[in-house]
Amino acid sequence: MPEPTTSRPARALLPLWLAVLAAAAGGWLMDLAYPDVAAWILAFPATALLLLALIGRRAGGALLVGLVHGLVFYLLLVSWTSRYLGPIPWMALAGVEAALTAVCVIPIALAYRWMPRAFPGTAGRLIALPALVAALWVGRELVVGALPYSGFPWARLGMTQSTSPLAALSSWVGVSGLSFLMVFAVAVLIESVRLQLWHRPVRLLVPTAAIVVLFVVPAFPTAAAGNLRIAAVQGNGPTGYFDVREPYSVIDAQTDASRSLYGEDIDLLVWPEGSVDSDPFQNANLARRMTLVANRAGAPLLANAATERDGEYFNTSMLWLEDGTADQTHDKRHPVPFGEYVPDRAFYNAIVPDLIGLLQREYTPGTNPPIMQVDDALIGLAICFDVIYDDVIREGVNGGAEVLILQTNNADFRGTDENLQQLAFARMRAIETGRSVVNISTVGTSQIIRPDGTTVSFLDADEAGAMLEDVELRSGLTAGVVLGPWVQQVLLWGGLAALLIGWWRARRRA
């Protein structure tokens, strides 16, 4: 059978009405790939449906397809944002993410129009085109994860694989690299069908074998570095934004849940984000209570509270010692827009003054390293949504962190999928970095996770309790940590450069 050639512009594979339906179905399936359902395998047909809807589309059609896909996906995925504040924040976030998705899938549609003309051979269709499509997909994830304001990298494709055999690949190429490999595999399968490679089974062997290999790659090795006996306490206190609370009710709940640990052999006691009612550096009563807990536990207390310094507010974790001092602190790096601060407050206040008026405190982004030392061990930190930002995790591990401690407060999203989605991201971070993870929430679900992603112990949502484990410490950097930033940049800029080359060659061959 001759090599496939074409000099004409690619025709749309699906009529626009069917492409829109396929994009919507893809958005629905993609949501099911994330927790609560967490059917990771559905990420592949979801990706395929979006790509099929984009093949042969012009910019306008691709914009519509991407918008529909993005709206269905994000409205389902982040429906938890409406838990207390109603539909406006939910629809605003989903709308912005969908609009960015719509714009960013246009280059993928253009790749499907230009590349078959630019590189019409089998190698071009089975390697060059899928690689470019996958690179542009990752570029879309990076753009959505960075814009607007601090971005929202919540819905990266690789993050769907926390319980999949493919998760180990993140330790080699990072989460973005995993997204690339997944899309590449789907795009290769699509082109294999379009080229009817079942008539040439020898040519089908190579892509088939490559995809099979992806499922059996072991995790990148890291070295054992001892153990740290860590206790993590979920107080289930009134830590939600709208929870009715009495003075000291939050620290009371945390203290009550910690009592079962007194007398145990503990190296570090961990409380979650928002585990202290107010700034213990300015409230002597809170400071005394924390010192008492640290002494009764016989270990330093890693707690978290809103703190104020020089007129600025921070979301701060502090290592509170038995002598009542706390010289090691870390401030949350990426405060949540419209949750912990309001960007362009005057503009948004004019639109929705009732909602904006609820957010009186403006948190400042932290600049101190996400690392603390406990005895001879270094721990890496990420506060709440900071777990989804690569820079925070990589800075901690590159700084020598031998275990990751992720403190979070999910009380504003009780009864939703938010905590389970965040927990899946924590599991992916364990696998990607080759580190144990202690993910502790105020209200659950909390878990201690091994470097391979398996759970050591857990606390269900809406229950008070404590976990105590000898947590394995690991040293050494995975390839995913070292190469991850480079992989992202190569895919982003290399994908755009390859698209321009494809356009230039397609014009010359027209």
Protein backbone atom coordinates (compact mmCIF):
# COMPACT_ATOMS: atom_id res chain seq x y z
CA MET A 1 0.00 0.00 0.00
CA PRO A 2 1.52 3.39 -0.96
CA GLU A 3 2.53 6.05 1.53
CA PRO A 4 -0.39 8.38 2.40
CA THR A 5 -0.12 11.73 0.67
CA THR A 6 -2.31 14.78 0.53
CA SER A 7 -1.99 18.28 -0.85
CA ARG A 8 -5.50 19.44 -0.06
CA PRO A 9 -6.64 21.05 3.20
CA ALA A 10 -7.91 18.48 5.67
CA ARG A 11 -11.67 18.15 5.82
CA ALA A 12 -13.43 18.02 9.15
CA LEU A 13 -13.74 14.44 10.30
CA LEU A 14 -17.09 15.17 11.97
CA PRO A 15 -19.84 17.64 11.02
CA LEU A 16 -19.89 20.56 13.42
CA TRP A 17 -23.06 19.48 15.24
CA LEU A 18 -21.62 16.02 15.87
CA ALA A 19 -18.23 17.49 16.84
CA VAL A 20 -19.94 19.64 19.47
CA LEU A 21 -21.73 16.60 20.88
CA ALA A 22 -18.46 14.64 20.90
CA ALA A 23 -16.70 17.48 22.69
CA ALA A 24 -19.45 17.63 25.30
CA ALA A 25 -19.29 13.85 25.80
CA GLY A 26 -15.53 14.14 26.14
CA GLY A 27 -15.93 16.77 28.85
CA TRP A 28 -18.33 14.52 30.75
CA LEU A 29 -16.03 11.49 30.52
CA MET A 30 -13.04 13.58 31.53
CA ASP A 31 -14.80 14.64 34.71
CA LEU A 32 -15.46 10.98 35.52
CA ALA A 33 -11.73 10.31 35.27
CA TYR A 34 -11.21 12.50 38.35
CA PRO A 35 -12.46 11.69 41.86
CA ASP A 36 -15.12 11.03 43.15
CA VAL A 37 -15.57 8.44 40.36
CA ALA A 38 -11.82 8.34 39.56
CA ALA A 39 -12.23 6.05 36.53
CA TRP A 40 -8.76 6.85 35.20
CA ILE A 41 -9.23 4.82 32.03
CA LEU A 42 -11.95 7.25 30.87
CA ALA A 43 -9.32 9.95 30.39
CA PHE A 44 -8.32 8.20 27.16
CA PRO A 45 -11.71 8.11 25.37
CA ALA A 46 -12.34 11.63 26.69
CA THR A 47 -9.14 12.82 25.02
CA ALA A 48 -9.97 10.93 21.85
CA LEU A 49 -13.42 12.52 21.58
CA LEU A 50 -11.97 16.03 21.82
CA LEU A 51 -9.26 15.29 19.27
CA LEU A 52 -11.75 13.71 16.85
CA ALA A 53 -13.94 16.80 17.18
CA LEU A 54 -10.96 19.03 16.31
CA ILE A 55 -9.65 17.15 13.26
CA GLY A 56 -10.05 19.31 10.16
CA ARG A 57 -11.73 22.17 12.01
CA ARG A 58 -11.04 25.79 11.17
CA ALA A 59 -10.35 28.25 13.98
CA GLY A 60 -13.98 29.23 14.49
CA GLY A 61 -15.22 25.66 14.70
CA ALA A 62 -12.35 24.71 17.01
CA LEU A 63 -13.22 27.63 19.27
CA LEU A 64 -16.81 26.39 19.60
CA VAL A 65 -15.72 22.78 20.15
CA GLY A 66 -13.21 23.81 22.82
CA LEU A 67 -15.72 26.06 24.56
CA VAL A 68 -18.36 23.34 24.79
CA HIS A 69 -15.84 20.77 25.99
CA GLY A 70 -14.44 23.19 28.57
CA LEU A 71 -17.83 24.25 29.89
CA VAL A 72 -19.11 20.71 30.36
CA PHE A 73 -15.86 19.56 31.93
CA TYR A 74 -15.24 22.45 34.31
CA LEU A 75 -18.86 22.94 35.34
CA LEU A 76 -18.85 19.33 36.50
CA LEU A 77 -15.30 19.20 37.88
CA VAL A 78 -15.39 22.34 40.04
CA SER A 79 -19.07 22.28 41.01
CA TRP A 80 -17.81 22.25 44.62
CA THR A 81 -17.03 25.97 44.32
CA SER A 82 -20.77 26.66 44.60
CA ARG A 83 -21.04 24.86 47.95
CA TYR A 84 -21.41 28.04 50.03
CA LEU A 85 -21.07 31.02 47.71
CA GLY A 86 -23.66 29.97 45.15
CA PRO A 87 -23.49 29.72 41.35
CA ILE A 88 -21.66 32.95 40.51
CA PRO A 89 -18.11 31.90 41.52
CA TRP A 90 -18.70 28.43 40.08
CA MET A 91 -19.89 29.69 36.71
CA ALA A 92 -17.23 32.41 36.61
CA LEU A 93 -14.38 29.96 37.22
CA ALA A 94 -15.76 27.38 34.79
CA GLY A 95 -16.40 30.09 32.20
CA VAL A 96 -12.87 31.48 32.38
CA GLU A 97 -11.30 28.02 32.20
CA ALA A 98 -13.57 27.06 29.29
CA ALA A 99 -12.71 30.26 27.40
CA LEU A 100 -8.99 29.62 27.84
CA THR A 101 -9.49 26.03 26.72
CA ALA A 102 -11.39 27.19 23.64
CA VAL A 103 -8.59 29.51 22.56
CA CYS A 104 -5.85 27.02 23.33
CA VAL A 105 -7.31 24.13 21.31
CA ILE A 106 -7.18 26.18 18.12
CA PRO A 107 -3.48 25.34 17.59
CA ILE A 108 -4.34 21.64 17.92
CA ALA A 109 -6.96 22.00 15.17
CA LEU A 110 -4.43 23.84 13.02
CA ALA A 111 -1.91 21.06 13.56
CA TYR A 112 -4.44 18.58 12.19
CA ARG A 113 -4.96 20.83 9.14
CA TRP A 114 -1.32 21.59 8.38
CA MET A 115 0.80 18.62 9.44
CA PRO A 116 -0.65 15.99 7.05
CA ARG A 117 0.28 18.31 4.17
CA ALA A 118 3.64 19.28 5.64
CA PHE A 119 4.72 15.72 6.51
CA PRO A 120 2.42 13.37 4.58
CA GLY A 121 4.33 10.11 5.05
CA THR A 122 3.47 7.40 7.54
CA ALA A 123 6.17 8.61 9.94
CA GLY A 124 4.75 12.11 9.81
CA ARG A 125 1.24 10.89 10.51
CA LEU A 126 2.18 8.38 13.23
CA ILE A 127 4.96 10.29 14.98
CA ALA A 128 5.23 13.96 14.03
CA LEU A 129 1.52 14.78 14.10
CA PRO A 130 0.72 12.97 17.38
CA ALA A 131 3.82 14.44 19.03
CA LEU A 132 2.82 17.96 17.99
CA VAL A 133 -0.78 17.47 19.12
CA ALA A 134 0.41 16.17 22.50
CA ALA A 135 2.89 19.03 22.90
CA LEU A 136 0.19 21.60 22.14
CA TRP A 137 -2.11 19.87 24.65
CA VAL A 138 0.52 20.30 27.35
CA GLY A 139 0.99 23.91 26.26
CA ARG A 140 -2.73 24.43 26.80
CA GLU A 141 -2.45 22.96 30.30
CA LEU A 142 0.44 25.28 31.12
CA VAL A 143 -1.43 28.35 29.90
CA VAL A 144 -4.59 27.45 31.81
CA GLY A 145 -2.42 26.75 34.85
CA ALA A 146 -0.80 30.17 34.74
CA LEU A 147 -3.59 32.55 33.65
CA PRO A 148 -5.35 34.61 34.83
CA TYR A 149 -3.71 35.82 38.03
CA SER A 150 -1.92 32.78 39.51
CA GLY A 151 -3.78 30.35 37.23
CA PHE A 152 -5.61 27.15 38.12
CA PRO A 153 -3.57 24.03 37.23
CA TRP A 154 -6.24 21.79 38.77
CA ALA A 155 -7.26 19.78 35.72
CA ARG A 156 -4.08 18.46 34.15
CA LEU A 157 -4.59 15.21 32.29
CA GLY A 158 -1.72 13.44 34.04
CA MET A 159 -3.38 14.03 37.40
CA THR A 160 -6.16 11.59 36.47
CA GLN A 161 -3.71 8.68 36.74
CA SER A 162 -3.02 8.64 40.50
CA THR A 163 -4.32 5.05 40.79
CA SER A 164 -3.24 3.94 37.32
CA PRO A 165 -0.19 1.87 36.30
CA LEU A 166 0.81 4.92 34.26
CA ALA A 167 1.34 7.01 37.40
CA ALA A 168 4.93 5.76 37.70
CA LEU A 169 5.78 7.61 34.48
CA SER A 170 5.44 10.90 36.34
CA SER A 171 8.59 10.01 38.27
CA TRP A 172 10.45 9.98 34.94
CA VAL A 173 8.93 12.93 33.04
CA GLY A 174 6.77 14.81 35.56
CA VAL A 175 3.02 15.28 35.44
CA SER A 176 3.18 17.36 32.25
CA GLY A 177 5.31 14.69 30.60
CA LEU A 178 2.69 12.12 31.58
CA SER A 179 -0.01 14.27 29.98
CA PHE A 180 2.11 14.38 26.80
CA LEU A 181 2.53 10.60 26.68
CA MET A 182 -1.17 10.00 27.23
CA VAL A 183 -2.26 12.36 24.45
CA PHE A 184 0.49 11.04 22.17
CA ALA A 185 -0.77 7.49 22.65
CA VAL A 186 -4.36 8.50 21.89
CA ALA A 187 -3.34 10.53 18.83
CA VAL A 188 -1.24 7.61 17.52
CA LEU A 189 -4.22 5.29 17.90
CA ILE A 190 -6.45 7.73 16.02
CA GLU A 191 -3.98 8.05 13.15
CA SER A 192 -3.50 4.28 13.04
CA VAL A 193 -7.23 3.89 12.46
CA ARG A 194 -7.37 6.73 9.94
CA LEU A 195 -4.48 5.15 8.00
CA GLN A 196 -6.08 1.69 8.27
CA LEU A 197 -2.87 0.19 9.60
CA TRP A 198 -4.55 -3.13 10.23
CA HIS A 199 -3.80 -3.71 6.53
CA ARG A 200 -0.09 -3.28 7.39
CA PRO A 201 0.27 -5.07 10.76
CA VAL A 202 4.08 -4.78 10.81
CA ARG A 203 3.84 -0.99 10.97
CA LEU A 204 1.25 -1.32 13.73
CA LEU A 205 3.63 -3.31 15.94
CA VAL A 206 5.87 -0.37 16.85
CA PRO A 207 3.20 2.02 18.18
CA THR A 208 1.40 -0.87 19.89
CA ALA A 209 4.57 -2.02 21.64
CA ALA A 210 5.42 1.55 22.67
CA ILE A 211 2.01 2.02 24.29
CA VAL A 212 2.24 -1.31 26.12
CA VAL A 213 5.66 -0.36 27.50
CA LEU A 214 4.15 2.77 29.09
CA PHE A 215 2.11 0.57 31.43
CA VAL A 216 5.05 -1.44 32.76
CA VAL A 217 7.71 1.23 33.37
CA PRO A 218 8.73 1.09 37.07
CA ALA A 219 8.98 4.20 39.20
CA PHE A 220 12.27 6.09 39.15
CA PRO A 221 14.24 4.91 42.20
CA THR A 222 15.00 7.05 45.23
CA ALA A 223 17.09 6.03 48.24
CA ALA A 224 15.85 5.09 51.71
CA ALA A 225 16.92 7.65 54.33
CA GLY A 226 15.41 6.33 57.54
CA ASN A 227 12.06 7.01 59.18
CA LEU A 228 10.30 9.84 60.99
CA ARG A 229 7.53 8.96 63.43
CA ILE A 230 4.81 11.40 62.43
CA ALA A 231 1.42 11.95 64.08
CA ALA A 232 -1.21 13.82 62.05
CA VAL A 233 -4.40 15.07 63.67
CA GLN A 234 -7.75 15.80 62.02
CA GLY A 235 -9.78 17.78 64.53
CA ASN A 236 -13.03 18.13 62.52
CA GLY A 237 -13.55 21.53 64.10
CA PRO A 238 -15.62 24.50 62.85
CA THR A 239 -13.03 25.68 60.34
CA GLY A 240 -15.32 26.63 57.46
CA TYR A 241 -15.68 30.25 56.37
CA PHE A 242 -19.31 30.36 57.47
CA ASP A 243 -19.06 27.97 60.43
CA VAL A 244 -20.41 29.29 63.72
CA ARG A 245 -17.63 29.07 66.28
CA GLU A 246 -16.86 30.04 69.83
CA PRO A 247 -13.48 31.50 70.85
CA TYR A 248 -10.77 28.83 70.71
CA SER A 249 -13.17 26.21 69.34
CA VAL A 250 -10.78 25.29 66.51
CA ILE A 251 -7.72 24.70 68.69
CA ASP A 252 -9.96 22.94 71.23
CA ALA A 253 -11.04 20.46 68.54
CA GLN A 254 -7.46 19.88 67.45
CA THR A 255 -6.29 19.47 71.03
CA ASP A 256 -9.07 17.01 71.88
CA ALA A 257 -8.19 14.86 68.86
CA SER A 258 -4.52 14.94 69.85
CA ARG A 259 -4.99 13.59 73.39
CA SER A 260 -4.84 9.95 72.29
CA LEU A 261 -1.27 10.58 71.15
CA TYR A 262 0.06 11.74 74.51
CA GLY A 263 2.59 9.26 75.84
CA GLU A 264 3.37 7.87 72.37
CA ASP A 265 6.82 8.03 70.81
CA ILE A 266 6.47 10.93 68.33
CA ASP A 267 9.04 12.86 66.30
CA LEU A 268 6.60 15.37 64.79
CA LEU A 269 2.98 16.28 65.49
CA VAL A 270 1.16 17.74 62.48
CA TRP A 271 -2.02 19.80 62.49
CA PRO A 272 -3.75 20.92 59.26
CA GLU A 273 -4.19 24.30 57.63
CA GLY A 274 -6.34 26.62 59.73
CA SER A 275 -5.78 24.52 62.85
CA VAL A 276 -5.24 27.54 65.12
CA ASP A 277 -7.98 30.14 65.54
CA SER A 278 -5.82 33.25 65.07
CA ASP A 279 -2.22 34.44 65.06
CA PRO A 280 -0.38 32.68 67.94
CA PHE A 281 2.50 35.13 67.59
CA GLN A 282 0.12 37.87 68.75
CA ASN A 283 -2.18 35.86 71.03
CA ALA A 284 -0.40 34.72 74.20
CA ASN A 285 -3.23 32.37 75.19
CA LEU A 286 -3.02 30.48 71.91
CA ALA A 287 0.76 30.36 72.21
CA ARG A 288 0.51 28.81 75.68
CA ARG A 289 -1.98 26.20 74.45
CA MET A 290 0.29 25.21 71.56
CA THR A 291 3.30 24.98 73.87
CA LEU A 292 1.30 22.75 76.23
CA VAL A 293 0.30 20.44 73.36
CA ALA A 294 3.90 20.21 72.12
CA ASN A 295 5.10 19.30 75.63
CA ARG A 296 2.40 16.71 76.24
CA ALA A 297 3.10 15.14 72.84
CA GLY A 298 6.84 15.35 73.46
CA ALA A 299 7.41 16.60 69.92
CA PRO A 300 7.39 19.82 67.90
CA LEU A 301 3.98 20.86 66.59
CA LEU A 302 3.59 21.81 62.93
CA ALA A 303 0.48 24.02 62.96
CA ASN A 304 -1.04 26.67 60.70
CA ALA A 305 -2.86 29.97 61.17
CA ALA A 306 -3.46 33.34 59.58
CA THR A 307 -0.65 35.63 60.70
CA GLU A 308 0.00 39.35 60.40
CA ARG A 309 3.35 41.04 59.86
CA ASP A 310 3.91 44.69 59.07
CA GLY A 311 0.28 45.16 58.07
CA GLU A 312 0.25 42.18 55.70
CA TYR A 313 -1.57 38.87 56.23
CA PHE A 314 -0.11 35.45 55.46
CA ASN A 315 -1.33 31.87 55.51
CA THR A 316 1.47 30.55 57.71
CA SER A 317 2.67 27.16 58.87
CA MET A 318 4.95 27.24 61.90
CA LEU A 319 7.03 24.63 63.70
CA TRP A 320 6.12 25.22 67.34
CA LEU A 321 8.73 23.85 69.74
CA GLU A 322 8.32 22.66 73.32
CA ASP A 323 10.05 25.79 74.61
CA GLY A 324 7.33 27.97 73.05
CA THR A 325 9.42 29.27 70.15
CA ALA A 326 8.71 28.90 66.42
CA ASP A 327 11.63 30.13 64.36
CA GLN A 328 10.80 28.01 61.31
CA THR A 329 7.82 29.24 59.30
CA HIS A 330 6.48 28.93 55.77
CA ASP A 331 3.88 31.16 54.14
CA LYS A 332 1.55 29.87 51.44
CA ARG A 333 3.07 30.66 48.07
CA HIS A 334 -0.10 30.91 45.95
CA PRO A 335 -3.07 32.46 47.82
CA VAL A 336 -6.32 31.59 46.06
CA PRO A 337 -7.85 34.44 44.00
CA PHE A 338 -11.34 35.32 45.26
CA GLY A 339 -10.78 32.95 48.17
CA GLU A 340 -7.82 34.41 50.03
CA TYR A 341 -7.49 37.71 48.20
CA VAL A 342 -9.39 39.71 45.59
CA PRO A 343 -7.40 40.85 42.55
CA ASP A 344 -8.63 44.08 40.99
CA ARG A 345 -10.96 44.49 43.95
CA ALA A 346 -12.56 47.76 42.80
CA PHE A 347 -13.56 46.23 39.45
CA TYR A 348 -15.12 43.08 40.89
CA ASN A 349 -16.69 44.93 43.79
CA ALA A 350 -18.63 46.98 41.27
CA ILE A 351 -20.00 43.78 39.72
CA VAL A 352 -20.76 41.56 42.74
CA PRO A 353 -20.35 43.73 45.85
CA ASP A 354 -22.10 41.27 48.19
CA LEU A 355 -19.68 38.46 47.36
CA ILE A 356 -16.56 40.60 47.29
CA GLY A 357 -17.57 42.20 50.57
CA LEU A 358 -17.30 38.81 52.29
CA LEU A 359 -13.56 38.71 51.64
CA GLN A 360 -12.10 41.38 53.87
CA ARG A 361 -8.65 39.89 54.47
CA GLU A 362 -6.05 40.00 51.69
CA TYR A 363 -3.37 37.34 51.96
CA THR A 364 0.11 38.12 50.64
CA PRO A 365 2.05 35.45 48.70
CA GLY A 366 4.87 33.94 50.73
CA THR A 367 8.51 34.04 49.70
CA ASN A 368 10.17 31.83 52.32
CA PRO A 369 11.20 28.28 51.31
CA PRO A 370 8.70 25.41 51.76
CA ILE A 371 11.20 23.47 53.89
CA MET A 372 11.66 22.86 57.61
CA GLN A 373 14.07 20.76 59.63
CA VAL A 374 12.92 18.29 62.30
CA ASP A 375 15.86 16.69 64.07
CA ASP A 376 18.06 15.53 61.18
CA ALA A 377 15.20 15.26 58.67
CA LEU A 378 14.08 17.88 56.16
CA ILE A 379 10.36 18.14 55.42
CA GLY A 380 8.80 19.78 52.38
CA LEU A 381 5.56 21.73 52.76
CA ALA A 382 2.62 22.72 50.60
CA ILE A 383 -0.39 24.50 52.06
CA CYS A 384 -3.76 23.52 50.59
CA PHE A 385 -3.99 24.31 46.85
CA ASP A 386 -0.21 24.85 46.67
CA VAL A 387 -0.06 21.08 46.09
CA ILE A 388 -1.08 21.64 42.45
CA TYR A 389 1.72 24.14 41.75
CA ASP A 390 4.91 22.47 40.52
CA ASP A 391 7.21 25.22 41.76
CA VAL A 392 6.31 24.69 45.42
CA ILE A 393 6.75 20.90 45.33
CA ARG A 394 9.97 21.02 43.33
CA GLU A 395 11.50 23.72 45.50
CA GLY A 396 10.93 21.58 48.57
CA VAL A 397 12.36 18.40 47.06
CA ASN A 398 15.26 20.21 45.40
CA GLY A 399 15.99 21.73 48.79
CA GLY A 400 16.49 18.28 50.28
CA ALA A 401 13.01 17.45 51.61
CA GLU A 402 12.81 13.75 52.49
CA VAL A 403 9.05 13.71 53.11
CA LEU A 404 6.19 15.98 51.99
CA ILE A 405 3.64 17.31 54.45
CA LEU A 406 0.54 18.81 52.86
CA GLN A 407 -1.73 20.77 55.21
CA THR A 408 -5.21 21.67 54.02
CA ASN A 409 -8.59 22.92 55.19
CA ASN A 410 -11.49 21.49 53.20
CA ALA A 411 -14.28 22.61 55.52
CA ASP A 412 -15.76 24.98 52.95
CA PHE A 413 -16.30 22.03 50.60
CA ARG A 414 -17.81 19.42 52.92
CA GLY A 415 -19.80 16.80 51.06
CA THR A 416 -18.20 17.54 47.66
CA ASP A 417 -15.50 15.96 45.49
CA GLU A 418 -12.97 18.73 46.21
CA ASN A 419 -11.06 16.96 48.97
CA LEU A 420 -10.87 13.68 47.05
CA GLN A 421 -9.57 15.48 43.97
CA GLN A 422 -6.94 17.24 46.06
CA LEU A 423 -6.01 13.94 47.73
CA ALA A 424 -5.46 12.37 44.29
CA PHE A 425 -3.07 15.21 43.44
CA ALA A 426 -1.22 14.56 46.70
CA ARG A 427 -0.87 10.89 45.72
CA MET A 428 0.53 11.88 42.33
CA ARG A 429 3.07 14.12 44.08
CA ALA A 430 4.22 11.15 46.16
CA ILE A 431 4.82 9.07 43.03
CA GLU A 432 6.33 11.93 41.02
CA THR A 433 8.85 12.87 43.71
CA GLY A 434 9.48 9.44 45.23
CA ARG A 435 8.53 10.80 48.67
CA SER A 436 6.10 9.78 51.37
CA VAL A 437 3.24 12.25 51.75
CA VAL A 438 1.30 13.20 54.85
CA ASN A 439 -1.90 14.84 53.64
CA ILE A 440 -3.76 16.21 56.67
CA SER A 441 -7.10 18.03 56.49
CA THR A 442 -9.17 19.77 59.14
CA VAL A 443 -12.26 17.75 58.22
CA GLY A 444 -10.94 14.93 55.97
CA THR A 445 -10.26 12.87 54.09
CA SER A 446 -6.67 12.63 55.43
CA GLN A 447 -4.06 10.03 54.48
CA ILE A 448 -0.44 9.03 54.90
CA ILE A 449 0.82 7.84 51.52
CA ARG A 450 3.90 5.82 50.60
CA PRO A 451 6.26 6.92 47.78
CA ASP A 452 4.60 4.38 45.46
CA GLY A 453 1.19 6.00 46.00
CA THR A 454 -0.30 3.35 48.28
CA THR A 455 -2.08 4.41 51.47
CA VAL A 456 -0.55 3.63 54.87
CA SER A 457 -3.37 4.98 57.03
CA PHE A 458 -6.36 7.27 56.64
CA LEU A 459 -9.11 9.19 58.39
CA ASP A 460 -12.53 9.47 56.78
CA ALA A 461 -14.22 12.79 56.20
CA ASP A 462 -16.15 14.42 59.04
CA GLU A 463 -14.54 12.46 61.83
CA ALA A 464 -12.00 13.55 64.43
CA GLY A 465 -8.98 11.36 64.87
CA ALA A 466 -5.24 10.91 64.64
CA MET A 467 -2.81 8.91 62.52
CA LEU A 468 0.57 7.77 63.86
CA GLU A 469 3.06 6.06 61.58
CA ASP A 470 6.76 5.50 61.03
CA VAL A 471 6.90 7.45 57.79
CA GLU A 472 9.63 6.42 55.37
CA LEU A 473 12.12 9.13 54.42
CA ARG A 474 13.63 9.13 50.94
CA SER A 475 16.54 11.01 49.38
CA GLY A 476 17.62 11.61 45.82
CA LEU A 477 15.80 13.32 42.98
CA THR A 478 13.61 11.55 40.47
CA ALA A 479 14.02 12.32 36.79
CA GLY A 480 10.53 13.80 36.92
CA VAL A 481 11.66 16.43 39.41
CA VAL A 482 14.92 17.20 37.57
CA LEU A 483 13.61 17.11 34.01
CA GLY A 484 10.02 18.18 34.62
CA PRO A 485 10.54 21.96 34.15
CA TRP A 486 12.64 21.34 31.03
CA VAL A 487 10.05 18.96 29.62
CA GLN A 488 7.39 21.63 30.07
CA GLN A 489 9.40 24.33 28.33
CA VAL A 490 10.47 22.08 25.46
CA LEU A 491 6.89 20.96 24.87
CA LEU A 492 5.47 24.49 25.10
CA TRP A 493 7.94 26.31 22.87
CA GLY A 494 8.89 23.30 20.76
CA GLY A 495 5.23 22.68 20.02
CA LEU A 496 4.68 26.25 18.86
CA ALA A 497 7.85 26.19 16.75
CA ALA A 498 6.86 22.87 15.17
CA LEU A 499 3.41 24.26 14.39
CA LEU A 500 4.98 27.21 12.55
CA ILE A 501 7.25 24.85 10.62
CA GLY A 502 4.23 22.74 9.71
CA TRP A 503 2.38 25.84 8.48
CA TRP A 504 5.38 26.92 6.37
CA ARG A 505 5.85 23.48 4.81
CA ALA A 506 2.12 23.08 4.20
CA ARG A 507 2.03 26.39 2.32
CA ARG A 508 4.97 25.38 0.17
CA ARG A 509 3.34 22.04 -0.67
CA ALA A 510 -0.08 23.55 -1.40
